[in-house]
Amino acid sequence: RLENGSLIELPALDSINNLLFRKRDLSNIKFATLENTLYLNGQDLKIGHFHIPSSVLTFSVQGTYCLGGDGHTNLLFELPLANLFRSDLSRTALENMEESRGPNILIRAEPAEEGEGLRCRWVLSRQEK
């Protein structure tokens, strides 16, 4: 459980600020209370459906993240299309936000072909691998 979480002045976000979410403040991203149970099985971190509302982007993630180098990572991100049309939200508004029931963009993260890092691609269904 994480309460009153924020990402403040994260340099990695500077590059996407010009490309995506131009009118949103990426220098101080606030999160609603985040709560989930994660399971560690060897080097595989299993993540159940995890809804993450933030002041910039709301999304869900589920799947397996491999902490080792053998490539079992298989994560599914669900980004509601409503993200594109809303403005920054206060922490109070985030705490009261329910999970979006509208259409989602589905992105699957898997090990890259070259063996280094992750490859992200759009998918049409949750079952598609």
C-alpha atoms as a PDB file:
ATOM      1  CA  ARG A   1       0.000   0.000   0.000  1.00  0.00           C
ATOM      2  CA  LEU A   2       1.373   3.394  -1.010  1.00  0.00           C
ATOM      3  CA  GLU A   3      -0.318   6.600   0.113  1.00  0.00           C
ATOM      4  CA  ASN A   4       0.337  10.158  -1.085  1.00  0.00           C
ATOM      5  CA  GLY A   5       2.805   8.992  -3.727  1.00  0.00           C
ATOM      6  CA  SER A   6       4.380  11.363  -6.241  1.00  0.00           C
ATOM      7  CA  LEU A   7       7.016  11.391  -8.953  1.00  0.00           C
ATOM      8  CA  ILE A   8       8.817  14.721  -8.644  1.00  0.00           C
ATOM      9  CA  GLU A   9      11.293  16.139 -11.177  1.00  0.00           C
ATOM     10  CA  LEU A  10      11.958  12.827 -12.945  1.00  0.00           C
ATOM     11  CA  PRO A  11      14.322  13.629 -15.859  1.00  0.00           C
ATOM     12  CA  ALA A  12      13.213  10.562 -17.855  1.00  0.00           C
ATOM     13  CA  LEU A  13       9.799  12.200 -18.353  1.00  0.00           C
ATOM     14  CA  ASP A  14      11.227  15.384 -19.905  1.00  0.00           C
ATOM     15  CA  SER A  15      11.578  13.737 -23.309  1.00  0.00           C
ATOM     16  CA  ILE A  16       7.928  12.666 -23.503  1.00  0.00           C
ATOM     17  CA  ASN A  17       6.586  15.947 -22.146  1.00  0.00           C
ATOM     18  CA  ASN A  18       7.090  17.547 -25.564  1.00  0.00           C
ATOM     19  CA  LEU A  19       5.532  14.597 -27.356  1.00  0.00           C
ATOM     20  CA  LEU A  20       2.623  13.521 -25.128  1.00  0.00           C
ATOM     21  CA  PHE A  21       0.518  15.308 -22.539  1.00  0.00           C
ATOM     22  CA  ARG A  22       1.881  18.764 -23.396  1.00  0.00           C
ATOM     23  CA  LYS A  23      -0.594  20.579 -21.176  1.00  0.00           C
ATOM     24  CA  ARG A  24      -0.029  18.366 -18.126  1.00  0.00           C
ATOM     25  CA  ASP A  25       2.495  18.926 -15.363  1.00  0.00           C
ATOM     26  CA  LEU A  26       4.984  16.047 -15.558  1.00  0.00           C
ATOM     27  CA  SER A  27       7.278  17.670 -12.981  1.00  0.00           C
ATOM     28  CA  ASN A  28       4.989  16.581 -10.110  1.00  0.00           C
ATOM     29  CA  ILE A  29       2.817  13.554 -10.860  1.00  0.00           C
ATOM     30  CA  LYS A  30       0.501  12.704  -7.969  1.00  0.00           C
ATOM     31  CA  PHE A  31      -0.970   9.244  -7.342  1.00  0.00           C
ATOM     32  CA  ALA A  32      -4.090   8.131  -5.554  1.00  0.00           C
ATOM     33  CA  THR A  33      -3.574   5.501  -2.862  1.00  0.00           C
ATOM     34  CA  LEU A  34      -2.091   2.469  -4.592  1.00  0.00           C
ATOM     35  CA  GLU A  35      -2.792  -0.947  -3.155  1.00  0.00           C
ATOM     36  CA  ASN A  36      -2.112  -4.383  -4.583  1.00  0.00           C
ATOM     37  CA  THR A  37      -0.651  -7.743  -3.654  1.00  0.00           C
ATOM     38  CA  LEU A  38       2.427  -8.828  -5.569  1.00  0.00           C
ATOM     39  CA  TYR A  39       3.802 -12.370  -5.562  1.00  0.00           C
ATOM     40  CA  LEU A  40       7.450 -13.266  -6.002  1.00  0.00           C
ATOM     41  CA  ASN A  41       8.101 -16.726  -7.467  1.00  0.00           C
ATOM     42  CA  GLY A  42      11.852 -17.108  -7.962  1.00  0.00           C
ATOM     43  CA  GLN A  43      12.751 -14.130 -10.149  1.00  0.00           C
ATOM     44  CA  ASP A  44       9.210 -13.628 -11.470  1.00  0.00           C
ATOM     45  CA  LEU A  45       7.135 -10.859  -9.912  1.00  0.00           C
ATOM     46  CA  LYS A  46       3.438 -11.643 -10.479  1.00  0.00           C
ATOM     47  CA  ILE A  47       1.159  -8.605 -10.638  1.00  0.00           C
ATOM     48  CA  GLY A  48      -2.599  -9.056 -10.402  1.00  0.00           C
ATOM     49  CA  HIS A  49      -4.880  -6.479 -12.021  1.00  0.00           C
ATOM     50  CA  PHE A  50      -3.451  -3.194 -10.689  1.00  0.00           C
ATOM     51  CA  HIS A  51      -5.329   0.076 -11.332  1.00  0.00           C
ATOM     52  CA  ILE A  52      -3.050   3.147 -11.146  1.00  0.00           C
ATOM     53  CA  PRO A  53      -4.753   6.564 -11.211  1.00  0.00           C
ATOM     54  CA  SER A  54      -2.376   9.533 -11.456  1.00  0.00           C
ATOM     55  CA  SER A  55      -2.689  13.232 -12.162  1.00  0.00           C
ATOM     56  CA  VAL A  56      -1.282  12.743 -15.686  1.00  0.00           C
ATOM     57  CA  LEU A  57      -2.278   9.253 -16.799  1.00  0.00           C
ATOM     58  CA  THR A  58      -4.548   6.541 -15.459  1.00  0.00           C
ATOM     59  CA  PHE A  59      -3.860   2.945 -16.447  1.00  0.00           C
ATOM     60  CA  SER A  60      -3.993  -0.681 -15.329  1.00  0.00           C
ATOM     61  CA  VAL A  61      -1.284  -3.302 -15.509  1.00  0.00           C
ATOM     62  CA  GLN A  62      -1.215  -7.053 -14.936  1.00  0.00           C
ATOM     63  CA  GLY A  63       1.108  -9.923 -15.707  1.00  0.00           C
ATOM     64  CA  THR A  64       4.626 -11.061 -14.874  1.00  0.00           C
ATOM     65  CA  TYR A  65       7.816  -9.016 -14.638  1.00  0.00           C
ATOM     66  CA  CYS A  66      11.034 -11.031 -14.642  1.00  0.00           C
ATOM     67  CA  LEU A  67      13.671  -9.599 -12.305  1.00  0.00           C
ATOM     68  CA  GLY A  68      16.313 -11.860 -13.870  1.00  0.00           C
ATOM     69  CA  GLY A  69      17.630 -12.013 -17.398  1.00  0.00           C
ATOM     70  CA  ASP A  70      15.806 -15.082 -18.708  1.00  0.00           C
ATOM     71  CA  GLY A  71      12.898 -13.183 -20.259  1.00  0.00           C
ATOM     72  CA  HIS A  72       9.619 -14.305 -18.667  1.00  0.00           C
ATOM     73  CA  THR A  73       8.264 -10.744 -18.655  1.00  0.00           C
ATOM     74  CA  ASN A  74       4.749 -10.483 -20.051  1.00  0.00           C
ATOM     75  CA  LEU A  75       2.858  -7.370 -18.945  1.00  0.00           C
ATOM     76  CA  LEU A  76      -0.427  -6.023 -20.263  1.00  0.00           C
ATOM     77  CA  PHE A  77      -1.112  -2.290 -19.884  1.00  0.00           C
ATOM     78  CA  GLU A  78      -4.639  -0.940 -20.356  1.00  0.00           C
ATOM     79  CA  LEU A  79      -4.831   2.783 -21.060  1.00  0.00           C
ATOM     80  CA  PRO A  80      -8.346   4.242 -21.195  1.00  0.00           C
ATOM     81  CA  LEU A  81      -8.940   6.486 -24.196  1.00  0.00           C
ATOM     82  CA  ALA A  82     -10.489   8.955 -21.736  1.00  0.00           C
ATOM     83  CA  ASN A  83      -6.890   9.853 -20.727  1.00  0.00           C
ATOM     84  CA  LEU A  84      -6.590  11.844 -23.933  1.00  0.00           C
ATOM     85  CA  PHE A  85      -9.466  14.161 -23.068  1.00  0.00           C
ATOM     86  CA  ARG A  86      -9.039  14.967 -19.386  1.00  0.00           C
ATOM     87  CA  SER A  87      -6.876  17.539 -17.661  1.00  0.00           C
ATOM     88  CA  ASP A  88      -4.674  17.202 -14.581  1.00  0.00           C
ATOM     89  CA  LEU A  89      -6.548  15.900 -11.555  1.00  0.00           C
ATOM     90  CA  SER A  90      -6.077  16.761  -7.889  1.00  0.00           C
ATOM     91  CA  ARG A  91      -5.225  14.029  -5.384  1.00  0.00           C
ATOM     92  CA  THR A  92      -8.786  14.233  -3.972  1.00  0.00           C
ATOM     93  CA  ALA A  93     -10.276  13.682  -7.435  1.00  0.00           C
ATOM     94  CA  LEU A  94      -7.890  10.757  -7.976  1.00  0.00           C
ATOM     95  CA  GLU A  95      -8.952   9.091  -4.719  1.00  0.00           C
ATOM     96  CA  ASN A  96     -12.578   9.200  -5.875  1.00  0.00           C
ATOM     97  CA  MET A  97     -11.860   8.023  -9.432  1.00  0.00           C
ATOM     98  CA  GLU A  98     -13.211   4.653 -10.429  1.00  0.00           C
ATOM     99  CA  GLU A  99     -11.737   2.462 -13.101  1.00  0.00           C
ATOM    100  CA  SER A 100     -12.800   3.546 -16.595  1.00  0.00           C
ATOM    101  CA  ARG A 101     -15.358   1.347 -18.321  1.00  0.00           C
ATOM    102  CA  GLY A 102     -14.845   2.839 -21.774  1.00  0.00           C
ATOM    103  CA  PRO A 103     -12.564   1.687 -24.587  1.00  0.00           C
ATOM    104  CA  ASN A 104      -8.912   1.004 -23.769  1.00  0.00           C
ATOM    105  CA  ILE A 105      -5.658   0.940 -25.660  1.00  0.00           C
ATOM    106  CA  LEU A 106      -3.926  -2.380 -24.911  1.00  0.00           C
ATOM    107  CA  ILE A 107      -0.133  -2.512 -24.869  1.00  0.00           C
ATOM    108  CA  ARG A 108       1.852  -5.675 -24.194  1.00  0.00           C
ATOM    109  CA  ALA A 109       5.450  -5.485 -22.900  1.00  0.00           C
ATOM    110  CA  GLU A 110       7.650  -8.521 -23.590  1.00  0.00           C
ATOM    111  CA  PRO A 111      11.388  -9.202 -23.830  1.00  0.00           C
ATOM    112  CA  ALA A 112      12.958  -7.641 -26.930  1.00  0.00           C
ATOM    113  CA  GLU A 113      14.163  -9.969 -29.694  1.00  0.00           C
ATOM    114  CA  GLU A 114      17.770  -8.915 -29.074  1.00  0.00           C
ATOM    115  CA  GLY A 115      17.492 -10.055 -25.460  1.00  0.00           C
ATOM    116  CA  GLU A 116      17.978  -6.583 -23.954  1.00  0.00           C
ATOM    117  CA  GLY A 117      15.154  -4.537 -22.537  1.00  0.00           C
ATOM    118  CA  LEU A 118      11.461  -4.746 -23.310  1.00  0.00           C
ATOM    119  CA  ARG A 119       9.499  -4.415 -26.522  1.00  0.00           C
ATOM    120  CA  CYS A 120       6.081  -2.752 -26.294  1.00  0.00           C
ATOM    121  CA  ARG A 121       3.426  -3.330 -28.933  1.00  0.00           C
ATOM    122  CA  TRP A 122      -0.270  -2.665 -29.368  1.00  0.00           C
ATOM    123  CA  VAL A 123      -2.531  -5.693 -29.130  1.00  0.00           C
ATOM    124  CA  LEU A 124      -6.204  -6.111 -29.991  1.00  0.00           C
ATOM    125  CA  SER A 125      -7.238  -8.403 -27.122  1.00  0.00           C
ATOM    126  CA  ARG A 126      -6.070  -9.373 -23.635  1.00  0.00           C
ATOM    127  CA  GLN A 127      -5.417 -12.965 -24.766  1.00  0.00           C
ATOM    128  CA  GLU A 128      -3.188 -12.030 -27.718  1.00  0.00           C
ATOM    129  CA  LYS A 129       0.488 -12.772 -27.091  1.00  0.00           C
END
